[in-house]
Amino acid sequence: MEPAIEAVAAETDVAVAKVDVDVNQALAGELGVRGVPTVVLFVDGEQAERLVGAQDRATLERLVGSAR
């Protein structure tokens, strides 16, 4: 899934951050991450969407497109 995320990030103006939930357990708890991988989309600082499980590039592109 990481290549798909990197490709979408390179082709858009969205900011992408990767969090290691083993190292950042407090942040994972704050975000309610219960499964890995989890993609959380924020729009204007607010959580707008959440996807749990592996996602393909097309799904990630739709997710980013829906935020515009």
PDB file of N, CA and C in Angstrom:
ATOM      1  N   MET A   1       0.817  -1.190   0.000  1.00  0.00           N
ATOM      2  CA  MET A   1       0.000   0.000   0.000  1.00  0.00           C
ATOM      3  C   MET A   1       0.864   1.258   0.000  1.00  0.00           C
ATOM      4  N   GLU A   2       2.047   1.187   0.556  1.00  0.00           N
ATOM      5  CA  GLU A   2       2.902   2.371   0.623  1.00  0.00           C
ATOM      6  C   GLU A   2       3.222   2.960  -0.743  1.00  0.00           C
ATOM      7  N   PRO A   3       3.514   2.150  -1.772  1.00  0.00           N
ATOM      8  CA  PRO A   3       3.746   2.746  -3.098  1.00  0.00           C
ATOM      9  C   PRO A   3       2.529   3.516  -3.616  1.00  0.00           C
ATOM     10  N   ALA A   4       1.332   3.024  -3.341  1.00  0.00           N
ATOM     11  CA  ALA A   4       0.118   3.719  -3.786  1.00  0.00           C
ATOM     12  C   ALA A   4      -0.021   5.056  -3.073  1.00  0.00           C
ATOM     13  N   ILE A   5       0.242   5.083  -1.788  1.00  0.00           N
ATOM     14  CA  ILE A   5       0.155   6.333  -1.026  1.00  0.00           C
ATOM     15  C   ILE A   5       1.202   7.324  -1.527  1.00  0.00           C
ATOM     16  N   GLU A   6       2.423   6.851  -1.743  1.00  0.00           N
ATOM     17  CA  GLU A   6       3.479   7.736  -2.227  1.00  0.00           C
ATOM     18  C   GLU A   6       3.152   8.294  -3.607  1.00  0.00           C
ATOM     19  N   ALA A   7       2.564   7.479  -4.472  1.00  0.00           N
ATOM     20  CA  ALA A   7       2.203   7.935  -5.818  1.00  0.00           C
ATOM     21  C   ALA A   7       1.125   9.007  -5.756  1.00  0.00           C
ATOM     22  N   VAL A   8       0.100   8.786  -4.959  1.00  0.00           N
ATOM     23  CA  VAL A   8      -0.981   9.767  -4.832  1.00  0.00           C
ATOM     24  C   VAL A   8      -0.435  11.054  -4.214  1.00  0.00           C
ATOM     25  N   ALA A   9       0.420  10.941  -3.226  1.00  0.00           N
ATOM     26  CA  ALA A   9       1.003  12.126  -2.590  1.00  0.00           C
ATOM     27  C   ALA A   9       1.848  12.919  -3.578  1.00  0.00           C
ATOM     28  N   ALA A  10       2.583  12.231  -4.433  1.00  0.00           N
ATOM     29  CA  ALA A  10       3.446  12.907  -5.404  1.00  0.00           C
ATOM     30  C   ALA A  10       2.647  13.617  -6.483  1.00  0.00           C
ATOM     31  N   GLU A  11       1.446  13.129  -6.768  1.00  0.00           N
ATOM     32  CA  GLU A  11       0.638  13.681  -7.857  1.00  0.00           C
ATOM     33  C   GLU A  11      -0.373  14.723  -7.396  1.00  0.00           C
ATOM     34  N   THR A  12      -0.454  14.968  -6.099  1.00  0.00           N
ATOM     35  CA  THR A  12      -1.424  15.928  -5.576  1.00  0.00           C
ATOM     36  C   THR A  12      -0.719  16.890  -4.629  1.00  0.00           C
ATOM     37  N   ASP A  13      -1.484  17.845  -4.130  1.00  0.00           N
ATOM     38  CA  ASP A  13      -0.915  18.803  -3.189  1.00  0.00           C
ATOM     39  C   ASP A  13      -1.289  18.484  -1.747  1.00  0.00           C
ATOM     40  N   VAL A  14      -1.697  17.250  -1.477  1.00  0.00           N
ATOM     41  CA  VAL A  14      -2.064  16.874  -0.117  1.00  0.00           C
ATOM     42  C   VAL A  14      -0.812  16.584   0.703  1.00  0.00           C
ATOM     43  N   ALA A  15      -0.907  16.834   1.993  1.00  0.00           N
ATOM     44  CA  ALA A  15       0.174  16.477   2.914  1.00  0.00           C
ATOM     45  C   ALA A  15      -0.076  15.057   3.400  1.00  0.00           C
ATOM     46  N   VAL A  16       0.961  14.249   3.398  1.00  0.00           N
ATOM     47  CA  VAL A  16       0.846  12.857   3.818  1.00  0.00           C
ATOM     48  C   VAL A  16       1.800  12.625   4.981  1.00  0.00           C
ATOM     49  N   ALA A  17       1.295  12.000   6.029  1.00  0.00           N
ATOM     50  CA  ALA A  17       2.128  11.657   7.181  1.00  0.00           C
ATOM     51  C   ALA A  17       1.935  10.185   7.499  1.00  0.00           C
ATOM     52  N   LYS A  18       3.019   9.524   7.822  1.00  0.00           N
ATOM     53  CA  LYS A  18       2.983   8.117   8.193  1.00  0.00           C
ATOM     54  C   LYS A  18       3.324   8.026   9.675  1.00  0.00           C
ATOM     55  N   VAL A  19       2.511   7.273  10.414  1.00  0.00           N
ATOM     56  CA  VAL A  19       2.714   7.144  11.850  1.00  0.00           C
ATOM     57  C   VAL A  19       2.937   5.675  12.189  1.00  0.00           C
ATOM     58  N   ASP A  20       4.015   5.383  12.893  1.00  0.00           N
ATOM     59  CA  ASP A  20       4.282   4.037  13.387  1.00  0.00           C
ATOM     60  C   ASP A  20       3.505   3.884  14.695  1.00  0.00           C
ATOM     61  N   VAL A  21       2.445   3.090  14.675  1.00  0.00           N
ATOM     62  CA  VAL A  21       1.579   2.975  15.851  1.00  0.00           C
ATOM     63  C   VAL A  21       2.270   2.269  17.011  1.00  0.00           C
ATOM     64  N   ASP A  22       3.302   1.492  16.742  1.00  0.00           N
ATOM     65  CA  ASP A  22       4.045   0.857  17.833  1.00  0.00           C
ATOM     66  C   ASP A  22       4.870   1.885  18.597  1.00  0.00           C
ATOM     67  N   VAL A  23       5.391   2.864  17.889  1.00  0.00           N
ATOM     68  CA  VAL A  23       6.201   3.914  18.506  1.00  0.00           C
ATOM     69  C   VAL A  23       5.316   5.028  19.059  1.00  0.00           C
ATOM     70  N   ASN A  24       4.221   5.329  18.379  1.00  0.00           N
ATOM     71  CA  ASN A  24       3.331   6.446  18.736  1.00  0.00           C
ATOM     72  C   ASN A  24       1.969   5.931  19.192  1.00  0.00           C
ATOM     73  N   GLN A  25       1.975   5.120  20.240  1.00  0.00           N
ATOM     74  CA  GLN A  25       0.736   4.512  20.714  1.00  0.00           C
ATOM     75  C   GLN A  25      -0.277   5.543  21.204  1.00  0.00           C
ATOM     76  N   ALA A  26       0.190   6.620  21.804  1.00  0.00           N
ATOM     77  CA  ALA A  26      -0.731   7.647  22.302  1.00  0.00           C
ATOM     78  C   ALA A  26      -1.490   8.294  21.147  1.00  0.00           C
ATOM     79  N   LEU A  27      -0.781   8.633  20.078  1.00  0.00           N
ATOM     80  CA  LEU A  27      -1.435   9.243  18.918  1.00  0.00           C
ATOM     81  C   LEU A  27      -2.405   8.263  18.275  1.00  0.00           C
ATOM     82  N   ALA A  28      -1.998   7.010  18.159  1.00  0.00           N
ATOM     83  CA  ALA A  28      -2.888   5.994  17.597  1.00  0.00           C
ATOM     84  C   ALA A  28      -4.163   5.898  18.426  1.00  0.00           C
ATOM     85  N   GLY A  29      -4.029   5.975  19.737  1.00  0.00           N
ATOM     86  CA  GLY A  29      -5.200   5.947  20.612  1.00  0.00           C
ATOM     87  C   GLY A  29      -6.082   7.165  20.426  1.00  0.00           C
ATOM     88  N   GLU A  30      -5.470   8.340  20.312  1.00  0.00           N
ATOM     89  CA  GLU A  30      -6.236   9.574  20.102  1.00  0.00           C
ATOM     90  C   GLU A  30      -7.035   9.514  18.807  1.00  0.00           C
ATOM     91  N   LEU A  31      -6.441   8.901  17.780  1.00  0.00           N
ATOM     92  CA  LEU A  31      -7.104   8.815  16.478  1.00  0.00           C
ATOM     93  C   LEU A  31      -8.030   7.607  16.379  1.00  0.00           C
ATOM     94  N   GLY A  32      -8.046   6.771  17.404  1.00  0.00           N
ATOM     95  CA  GLY A  32      -8.926   5.610  17.392  1.00  0.00           C
ATOM     96  C   GLY A  32      -8.492   4.529  16.419  1.00  0.00           C
ATOM     97  N   VAL A  33      -7.195   4.426  16.179  1.00  0.00           N
ATOM     98  CA  VAL A  33      -6.685   3.407  15.261  1.00  0.00           C
ATOM     99  C   VAL A  33      -6.745   2.057  15.957  1.00  0.00           C
ATOM    100  N   ARG A  34      -7.498   1.134  15.358  1.00  0.00           N
ATOM    101  CA  ARG A  34      -7.647  -0.200  15.926  1.00  0.00           C
ATOM    102  C   ARG A  34      -7.148  -1.283  14.982  1.00  0.00           C
ATOM    103  N   GLY A  35      -6.957  -0.918  13.729  1.00  0.00           N
ATOM    104  CA  GLY A  35      -6.464  -1.858  12.734  1.00  0.00           C
ATOM    105  C   GLY A  35      -5.390  -1.204  11.894  1.00  0.00           C
ATOM    106  N   VAL A  36      -4.495  -2.022  11.379  1.00  0.00           N
ATOM    107  CA  VAL A  36      -3.396  -1.513  10.563  1.00  0.00           C
ATOM    108  C   VAL A  36      -3.434  -2.224   9.228  1.00  0.00           C
ATOM    109  N   PRO A  37      -3.328  -1.515   8.133  1.00  0.00           N
ATOM    110  CA  PRO A  37      -3.162  -0.064   8.032  1.00  0.00           C
ATOM    111  C   PRO A  37      -4.495   0.678   8.162  1.00  0.00           C
ATOM    112  N   THR A  38      -4.413   1.898   8.624  1.00  0.00           N
ATOM    113  CA  THR A  38      -5.557   2.803   8.677  1.00  0.00           C
ATOM    114  C   THR A  38      -5.153   4.101   7.994  1.00  0.00           C
ATOM    115  N   VAL A  39      -6.003   4.577   7.094  1.00  0.00           N
ATOM    116  CA  VAL A  39      -5.795   5.863   6.437  1.00  0.00           C
ATOM    117  C   VAL A  39      -6.851   6.810   6.988  1.00  0.00           C
ATOM    118  N   VAL A  40      -6.408   7.936   7.524  1.00  0.00           N
ATOM    119  CA  VAL A  40      -7.329   8.937   8.056  1.00  0.00           C
ATOM    120  C   VAL A  40      -7.146  10.203   7.232  1.00  0.00           C
ATOM    121  N   LEU A  41      -8.233  10.696   6.675  1.00  0.00           N
ATOM    122  CA  LEU A  41      -8.208  11.920   5.876  1.00  0.00           C
ATOM    123  C   LEU A  41      -8.721  13.071   6.729  1.00  0.00           C
ATOM    124  N   PHE A  42      -7.936  14.123   6.795  1.00  0.00           N
ATOM    125  CA  PHE A  42      -8.339  15.335   7.503  1.00  0.00           C
ATOM    126  C   PHE A  42      -8.547  16.443   6.483  1.00  0.00           C
ATOM    127  N   VAL A  43      -9.616  17.198   6.655  1.00  0.00           N
ATOM    128  CA  VAL A  43      -9.895  18.362   5.828  1.00  0.00           C
ATOM    129  C   VAL A  43     -10.064  19.543   6.777  1.00  0.00           C
ATOM    130  N   ASP A  44      -9.240  20.558   6.593  1.00  0.00           N
ATOM    131  CA  ASP A  44      -9.257  21.738   7.465  1.00  0.00           C
ATOM    132  C   ASP A  44      -9.127  21.361   8.937  1.00  0.00           C
ATOM    133  N   GLY A  45      -8.275  20.370   9.218  1.00  0.00           N
ATOM    134  CA  GLY A  45      -8.008  19.970  10.593  1.00  0.00           C
ATOM    135  C   GLY A  45      -9.025  19.046  11.221  1.00  0.00           C
ATOM    136  N   GLU A  46     -10.056  18.698  10.491  1.00  0.00           N
ATOM    137  CA  GLU A  46     -11.104  17.815  11.008  1.00  0.00           C
ATOM    138  C   GLU A  46     -11.084  16.492  10.260  1.00  0.00           C
ATOM    139  N   GLN A  47     -11.298  15.400  11.003  1.00  0.00           N
ATOM    140  CA  GLN A  47     -11.343  14.098  10.347  1.00  0.00           C
ATOM    141  C   GLN A  47     -12.551  14.026   9.423  1.00  0.00           C
ATOM    142  N   ALA A  48     -12.296  13.693   8.156  1.00  0.00           N
ATOM    143  CA  ALA A  48     -13.363  13.637   7.162  1.00  0.00           C
ATOM    144  C   ALA A  48     -13.673  12.209   6.729  1.00  0.00           C
ATOM    145  N   GLU A  49     -12.679  11.338   6.772  1.00  0.00           N
ATOM    146  CA  GLU A  49     -12.870   9.973   6.266  1.00  0.00           C
ATOM    147  C   GLU A  49     -11.838   9.067   6.907  1.00  0.00           C
ATOM    148  N   ARG A  50     -12.182   7.786   6.979  1.00  0.00           N
ATOM    149  CA  ARG A  50     -11.283   6.779   7.539  1.00  0.00           C
ATOM    150  C   ARG A  50     -11.442   5.498   6.735  1.00  0.00           C
ATOM    151  N   LEU A  51     -10.320   4.914   6.344  1.00  0.00           N
ATOM    152  CA  LEU A  51     -10.306   3.636   5.645  1.00  0.00           C
ATOM    153  C   LEU A  51      -9.421   2.682   6.436  1.00  0.00           C
ATOM    154  N   VAL A  52      -9.927   1.501   6.720  1.00  0.00           N
ATOM    155  CA  VAL A  52      -9.161   0.501   7.454  1.00  0.00           C
ATOM    156  C   VAL A  52      -8.892  -0.670   6.530  1.00  0.00           C
ATOM    157  N   GLY A  53      -7.655  -1.124   6.528  1.00  0.00           N
ATOM    158  CA  GLY A  53      -7.259  -2.229   5.664  1.00  0.00           C
ATOM    159  C   GLY A  53      -6.516  -1.711   4.452  1.00  0.00           C
ATOM    160  N   ALA A  54      -5.920  -2.634   3.720  1.00  0.00           N
ATOM    161  CA  ALA A  54      -5.149  -2.260   2.533  1.00  0.00           C
ATOM    162  C   ALA A  54      -6.062  -1.642   1.481  1.00  0.00           C
ATOM    163  N   GLN A  55      -5.597  -0.573   0.860  1.00  0.00           N
ATOM    164  CA  GLN A  55      -6.362   0.142  -0.161  1.00  0.00           C
ATOM    165  C   GLN A  55      -5.528   0.223  -1.435  1.00  0.00           C
ATOM    166  N   ASP A  56      -6.199   0.189  -2.569  1.00  0.00           N
ATOM    167  CA  ASP A  56      -5.467   0.331  -3.826  1.00  0.00           C
ATOM    168  C   ASP A  56      -5.365   1.809  -4.211  1.00  0.00           C
ATOM    169  N   ARG A  57      -4.570   2.066  -5.222  1.00  0.00           N
ATOM    170  CA  ARG A  57      -4.322   3.443  -5.651  1.00  0.00           C
ATOM    171  C   ARG A  57      -5.606   4.155  -6.071  1.00  0.00           C
ATOM    172  N   ALA A  58      -6.470   3.476  -6.800  1.00  0.00           N
ATOM    173  CA  ALA A  58      -7.716   4.100  -7.263  1.00  0.00           C
ATOM    174  C   ALA A  58      -8.573   4.546  -6.082  1.00  0.00           C
ATOM    175  N   THR A  59      -8.635   3.740  -5.044  1.00  0.00           N
ATOM    176  CA  THR A  59      -9.416   4.103  -3.857  1.00  0.00           C
ATOM    177  C   THR A  59      -8.819   5.327  -3.182  1.00  0.00           C
ATOM    178  N   LEU A  60      -7.503   5.366  -3.069  1.00  0.00           N
ATOM    179  CA  LEU A  60      -6.848   6.519  -2.455  1.00  0.00           C
ATOM    180  C   LEU A  60      -7.042   7.778  -3.289  1.00  0.00           C
ATOM    181  N   GLU A  61      -7.000   7.644  -4.609  1.00  0.00           N
ATOM    182  CA  GLU A  61      -7.243   8.797  -5.483  1.00  0.00           C
ATOM    183  C   GLU A  61      -8.667   9.318  -5.306  1.00  0.00           C
ATOM    184  N   ARG A  62      -9.634   8.422  -5.196  1.00  0.00           N
ATOM    185  CA  ARG A  62     -11.030   8.847  -4.962  1.00  0.00           C
ATOM    186  C   ARG A  62     -11.154   9.546  -3.613  1.00  0.00           C
ATOM    187  N   LEU A  63     -10.477   9.017  -2.614  1.00  0.00           N
ATOM    188  CA  LEU A  63     -10.521   9.610  -1.281  1.00  0.00           C
ATOM    189  C   LEU A  63     -10.004  11.045  -1.313  1.00  0.00           C
ATOM    190  N   VAL A  64      -8.856  11.245  -1.926  1.00  0.00           N
ATOM    191  CA  VAL A  64      -8.280  12.589  -2.020  1.00  0.00           C
ATOM    192  C   VAL A  64      -9.177  13.488  -2.867  1.00  0.00           C
ATOM    193  N   GLY A  65      -9.697  12.966  -3.955  1.00  0.00           N
ATOM    194  CA  GLY A  65     -10.582  13.743  -4.823  1.00  0.00           C
ATOM    195  C   GLY A  65     -11.848  14.188  -4.120  1.00  0.00           C
ATOM    196  N   SER A  66     -12.355  13.362  -3.212  1.00  0.00           N
ATOM    197  CA  SER A  66     -13.589  13.706  -2.501  1.00  0.00           C
ATOM    198  C   SER A  66     -13.384  14.855  -1.526  1.00  0.00           C
ATOM    199  N   ALA A  67     -12.142  15.109  -1.157  1.00  0.00           N
ATOM    200  CA  ALA A  67     -11.847  16.168  -0.193  1.00  0.00           C
ATOM    201  C   ALA A  67     -11.692  17.526  -0.850  1.00  0.00           C
ATOM    202  N   ARG A  68     -11.692  17.561  -2.152  1.00  0.00           N
ATOM    203  CA  ARG A  68     -11.466  18.830  -2.853  1.00  0.00           C
ATOM    204  C   ARG A  68     -12.735  19.568  -3.095  1.00  0.00           C
TER     205      ARG A  68
END
